[in-house]
Amino acid sequence: MIGIAELFIPALTTVQLPYYEIGRNAARHLIEGLDVSGTQPVDCPLVVRESL
């Protein structure tokens, strides 16, 4: 997928958000009635482009 960050000059360094994993964890917490008041850390790989 080509993101808007690649269209800038220089291309912007960003993080890659794992949308599927975030959604899966949210659904699991809701279905299983787990605590949803806190935060859940998620690994977000750094996508290094020309701006770094």
PDB file of N, CA and C in Angstrom:
ATOM      1  N   MET A   1       0.844  -1.176   0.000  1.00  0.00           N
ATOM      2  CA  MET A   1       0.000   0.000   0.000  1.00  0.00           C
ATOM      3  C   MET A   1       0.894   1.245   0.000  1.00  0.00           C
ATOM      4  N   ILE A   2       0.621   2.136  -0.881  1.00  0.00           N
ATOM      5  CA  ILE A   2       1.384   3.383  -0.954  1.00  0.00           C
ATOM      6  C   ILE A   2       0.678   4.420  -0.094  1.00  0.00           C
ATOM      7  N   GLY A   3       1.395   4.905   0.905  1.00  0.00           N
ATOM      8  CA  GLY A   3       0.824   5.916   1.786  1.00  0.00           C
ATOM      9  C   GLY A   3       1.217   7.304   1.336  1.00  0.00           C
ATOM     10  N   ILE A   4       0.569   8.286   1.885  1.00  0.00           N
ATOM     11  CA  ILE A   4       0.841   9.675   1.531  1.00  0.00           C
ATOM     12  C   ILE A   4       2.252  10.092   1.937  1.00  0.00           C
ATOM     13  N   ALA A   5       2.825   9.434   2.956  1.00  0.00           N
ATOM     14  CA  ALA A   5       4.166   9.793   3.428  1.00  0.00           C
ATOM     15  C   ALA A   5       5.218   9.596   2.345  1.00  0.00           C
ATOM     16  N   GLU A   6       4.956   8.688   1.406  1.00  0.00           N
ATOM     17  CA  GLU A   6       5.915   8.439   0.325  1.00  0.00           C
ATOM     18  C   GLU A   6       5.859   9.515  -0.751  1.00  0.00           C
ATOM     19  N   LEU A   7       4.796  10.300  -0.777  1.00  0.00           N
ATOM     20  CA  LEU A   7       4.617  11.304  -1.823  1.00  0.00           C
ATOM     21  C   LEU A   7       5.339  12.610  -1.532  1.00  0.00           C
ATOM     22  N   PHE A   8       5.727  12.832  -0.279  1.00  0.00           N
ATOM     23  CA  PHE A   8       6.437  14.050   0.096  1.00  0.00           C
ATOM     24  C   PHE A   8       7.898  13.974  -0.334  1.00  0.00           C
ATOM     25  N   ILE A   9       8.498  15.131  -0.505  1.00  0.00           N
ATOM     26  CA  ILE A   9       9.924  15.198  -0.805  1.00  0.00           C
ATOM     27  C   ILE A   9      10.570  15.999   0.304  1.00  0.00           C
ATOM     28  N   PRO A  10      11.414  15.416   1.133  1.00  0.00           N
ATOM     29  CA  PRO A  10      11.791  13.997   1.138  1.00  0.00           C
ATOM     30  C   PRO A  10      10.650  13.132   1.680  1.00  0.00           C
ATOM     31  N   ALA A  11      10.660  11.853   1.306  1.00  0.00           N
ATOM     32  CA  ALA A  11       9.643  10.917   1.796  1.00  0.00           C
ATOM     33  C   ALA A  11       9.728  10.849   3.320  1.00  0.00           C
ATOM     34  N   LEU A  12       8.568  10.886   3.991  1.00  0.00           N
ATOM     35  CA  LEU A  12       8.529  10.973   5.448  1.00  0.00           C
ATOM     36  C   LEU A  12       8.722   9.619   6.124  1.00  0.00           C
ATOM     37  N   THR A  13       9.478   9.621   7.205  1.00  0.00           N
ATOM     38  CA  THR A  13       9.617   8.437   8.046  1.00  0.00           C
ATOM     39  C   THR A  13       8.361   8.330   8.901  1.00  0.00           C
ATOM     40  N   THR A  14       7.797   7.131   8.997  1.00  0.00           N
ATOM     41  CA  THR A  14       6.549   6.924   9.733  1.00  0.00           C
ATOM     42  C   THR A  14       6.628   5.636  10.551  1.00  0.00           C
ATOM     43  N   VAL A  15       5.557   5.327  11.238  1.00  0.00           N
ATOM     44  CA  VAL A  15       5.419   4.019  11.879  1.00  0.00           C
ATOM     45  C   VAL A  15       4.308   3.268  11.160  1.00  0.00           C
ATOM     46  N   GLN A  16       4.452   1.949  11.097  1.00  0.00           N
ATOM     47  CA  GLN A  16       3.461   1.099  10.443  1.00  0.00           C
ATOM     48  C   GLN A  16       2.509   0.565  11.514  1.00  0.00           C
ATOM     49  N   LEU A  17       1.264   0.994  11.467  1.00  0.00           N
ATOM     50  CA  LEU A  17       0.286   0.579  12.471  1.00  0.00           C
ATOM     51  C   LEU A  17      -0.333  -0.764  12.090  1.00  0.00           C
ATOM     52  N   PRO A  18      -0.296  -1.730  13.007  1.00  0.00           N
ATOM     53  CA  PRO A  18      -0.872  -3.054  12.728  1.00  0.00           C
ATOM     54  C   PRO A  18      -2.387  -3.045  12.980  1.00  0.00           C
ATOM     55  N   TYR A  19      -3.157  -2.499  12.038  1.00  0.00           N
ATOM     56  CA  TYR A  19      -4.596  -2.329  12.222  1.00  0.00           C
ATOM     57  C   TYR A  19      -5.303  -3.644  12.543  1.00  0.00           C
ATOM     58  N   TYR A  20      -4.946  -4.718  11.861  1.00  0.00           N
ATOM     59  CA  TYR A  20      -5.599  -6.007  12.094  1.00  0.00           C
ATOM     60  C   TYR A  20      -5.392  -6.461  13.536  1.00  0.00           C
ATOM     61  N   GLU A  21      -4.157  -6.390  14.012  1.00  0.00           N
ATOM     62  CA  GLU A  21      -3.852  -6.805  15.387  1.00  0.00           C
ATOM     63  C   GLU A  21      -4.581  -5.930  16.407  1.00  0.00           C
ATOM     64  N   ILE A  22      -4.629  -4.631  16.164  1.00  0.00           N
ATOM     65  CA  ILE A  22      -5.327  -3.721  17.072  1.00  0.00           C
ATOM     66  C   ILE A  22      -6.814  -4.082  17.135  1.00  0.00           C
ATOM     67  N   GLY A  23      -7.427  -4.309  15.987  1.00  0.00           N
ATOM     68  CA  GLY A  23      -8.840  -4.672  15.942  1.00  0.00           C
ATOM     69  C   GLY A  23      -9.113  -6.015  16.584  1.00  0.00           C
ATOM     70  N   ARG A  24      -8.237  -6.982  16.320  1.00  0.00           N
ATOM     71  CA  ARG A  24      -8.400  -8.317  16.902  1.00  0.00           C
ATOM     72  C   ARG A  24      -8.321  -8.254  18.423  1.00  0.00           C
ATOM     73  N   ASN A  25      -7.355  -7.515  18.948  1.00  0.00           N
ATOM     74  CA  ASN A  25      -7.221  -7.386  20.405  1.00  0.00           C
ATOM     75  C   ASN A  25      -8.419  -6.663  21.012  1.00  0.00           C
ATOM     76  N   ALA A  26      -8.907  -5.636  20.344  1.00  0.00           N
ATOM     77  CA  ALA A  26     -10.072  -4.907  20.853  1.00  0.00           C
ATOM     78  C   ALA A  26     -11.298  -5.811  20.891  1.00  0.00           C
ATOM     79  N   ALA A  27     -11.515  -6.567  19.826  1.00  0.00           N
ATOM     80  CA  ALA A  27     -12.661  -7.478  19.780  1.00  0.00           C
ATOM     81  C   ALA A  27     -12.546  -8.550  20.856  1.00  0.00           C
ATOM     82  N   ARG A  28     -11.365  -9.096  21.041  1.00  0.00           N
ATOM     83  CA  ARG A  28     -11.163 -10.131  22.059  1.00  0.00           C
ATOM     84  C   ARG A  28     -11.471  -9.591  23.448  1.00  0.00           C
ATOM     85  N   HIS A  29     -11.000  -8.380  23.733  1.00  0.00           N
ATOM     86  CA  HIS A  29     -11.267  -7.777  25.042  1.00  0.00           C
ATOM     87  C   HIS A  29     -12.772  -7.591  25.270  1.00  0.00           C
ATOM     88  N   LEU A  30     -13.477  -7.155  24.234  1.00  0.00           N
ATOM     89  CA  LEU A  30     -14.916  -6.947  24.375  1.00  0.00           C
ATOM     90  C   LEU A  30     -15.666  -8.269  24.518  1.00  0.00           C
ATOM     91  N   ILE A  31     -15.330  -9.243  23.686  1.00  0.00           N
ATOM     92  CA  ILE A  31     -16.021 -10.537  23.710  1.00  0.00           C
ATOM     93  C   ILE A  31     -15.778 -11.266  25.021  1.00  0.00           C
ATOM     94  N   GLU A  32     -14.547 -11.234  25.498  1.00  0.00           N
ATOM     95  CA  GLU A  32     -14.200 -11.955  26.721  1.00  0.00           C
ATOM     96  C   GLU A  32     -14.471 -11.141  27.983  1.00  0.00           C
ATOM     97  N   GLY A  33     -14.950  -9.909  27.816  1.00  0.00           N
ATOM     98  CA  GLY A  33     -15.264  -9.074  28.971  1.00  0.00           C
ATOM     99  C   GLY A  33     -14.039  -8.660  29.766  1.00  0.00           C
ATOM    100  N   LEU A  34     -12.906  -8.522  29.089  1.00  0.00           N
ATOM    101  CA  LEU A  34     -11.668  -8.117  29.752  1.00  0.00           C
ATOM    102  C   LEU A  34     -11.678  -6.617  30.021  1.00  0.00           C
ATOM    103  N   ASP A  35     -10.802  -6.182  30.890  1.00  0.00           N
ATOM    104  CA  ASP A  35     -10.686  -4.767  31.241  1.00  0.00           C
ATOM    105  C   ASP A  35     -10.243  -3.973  30.014  1.00  0.00           C
ATOM    106  N   VAL A  36     -11.023  -2.976  29.654  1.00  0.00           N
ATOM    107  CA  VAL A  36     -10.690  -2.143  28.496  1.00  0.00           C
ATOM    108  C   VAL A  36     -10.390  -0.702  28.897  1.00  0.00           C
ATOM    109  N   SER A  37     -10.199  -0.469  30.188  1.00  0.00           N
ATOM    110  CA  SER A  37      -9.970   0.899  30.648  1.00  0.00           C
ATOM    111  C   SER A  37      -8.514   1.340  30.509  1.00  0.00           C
ATOM    112  N   GLY A  38      -7.587   0.410  30.385  1.00  0.00           N
ATOM    113  CA  GLY A  38      -6.169   0.754  30.297  1.00  0.00           C
ATOM    114  C   GLY A  38      -5.689   0.819  28.861  1.00  0.00           C
ATOM    115  N   THR A  39      -4.391   0.807  28.712  1.00  0.00           N
ATOM    116  CA  THR A  39      -3.790   0.804  27.380  1.00  0.00           C
ATOM    117  C   THR A  39      -3.132  -0.534  27.126  1.00  0.00           C
ATOM    118  N   GLN A  40      -3.004  -0.869  25.868  1.00  0.00           N
ATOM    119  CA  GLN A  40      -2.385  -2.127  25.461  1.00  0.00           C
ATOM    120  C   GLN A  40      -1.254  -1.785  24.495  1.00  0.00           C
ATOM    121  N   PRO A  41      -0.004  -2.053  24.855  1.00  0.00           N
ATOM    122  CA  PRO A  41       1.093  -1.735  23.937  1.00  0.00           C
ATOM    123  C   PRO A  41       1.058  -2.627  22.696  1.00  0.00           C
ATOM    124  N   VAL A  42       1.391  -2.031  21.564  1.00  0.00           N
ATOM    125  CA  VAL A  42       1.413  -2.748  20.292  1.00  0.00           C
ATOM    126  C   VAL A  42       2.712  -2.383  19.586  1.00  0.00           C
ATOM    127  N   ASP A  43       3.388  -3.373  19.037  1.00  0.00           N
ATOM    128  CA  ASP A  43       4.610  -3.105  18.280  1.00  0.00           C
ATOM    129  C   ASP A  43       4.255  -2.404  16.973  1.00  0.00           C
ATOM    130  N   CYS A  44       4.912  -1.281  16.720  1.00  0.00           N
ATOM    131  CA  CYS A  44       4.709  -0.508  15.495  1.00  0.00           C
ATOM    132  C   CYS A  44       6.065  -0.299  14.842  1.00  0.00           C
ATOM    133  N   PRO A  45       6.380  -1.088  13.813  1.00  0.00           N
ATOM    134  CA  PRO A  45       7.687  -0.961  13.167  1.00  0.00           C
ATOM    135  C   PRO A  45       7.897   0.426  12.558  1.00  0.00           C
ATOM    136  N   LEU A  46       9.112   0.910  12.671  1.00  0.00           N
ATOM    137  CA  LEU A  46       9.495   2.186  12.083  1.00  0.00           C
ATOM    138  C   LEU A  46       9.783   1.980  10.601  1.00  0.00           C
ATOM    139  N   VAL A  47       9.171   2.802   9.757  1.00  0.00           N
ATOM    140  CA  VAL A  47       9.402   2.755   8.314  1.00  0.00           C
ATOM    141  C   VAL A  47      10.299   3.939   7.975  1.00  0.00           C
ATOM    142  N   VAL A  48      11.581   3.672   7.837  1.00  0.00           N
ATOM    143  CA  VAL A  48      12.567   4.732   7.606  1.00  0.00           C
ATOM    144  C   VAL A  48      12.601   5.077   6.120  1.00  0.00           C
ATOM    145  N   ARG A  49      12.391   6.349   5.855  1.00  0.00           N
ATOM    146  CA  ARG A  49      12.475   6.844   4.483  1.00  0.00           C
ATOM    147  C   ARG A  49      13.532   7.949   4.458  1.00  0.00           C
ATOM    148  N   GLU A  50      13.399   8.896   3.583  1.00  0.00           N
ATOM    149  CA  GLU A  50      14.437   9.908   3.381  1.00  0.00           C
ATOM    150  C   GLU A  50      14.472  10.998   4.445  1.00  0.00           C
ATOM    151  N   SER A  51      13.436  11.137   5.255  1.00  0.00           N
ATOM    152  CA  SER A  51      13.378  12.263   6.187  1.00  0.00           C
ATOM    153  C   SER A  51      14.118  12.016   7.489  1.00  0.00           C
ATOM    154  N   LEU A  52      14.661  10.863   7.684  1.00  0.00           N
ATOM    155  CA  LEU A  52      15.378  10.577   8.922  1.00  0.00           C
ATOM    156  C   LEU A  52      16.855  10.475   8.665  1.00  0.00           C
TER     157      LEU A  52
END
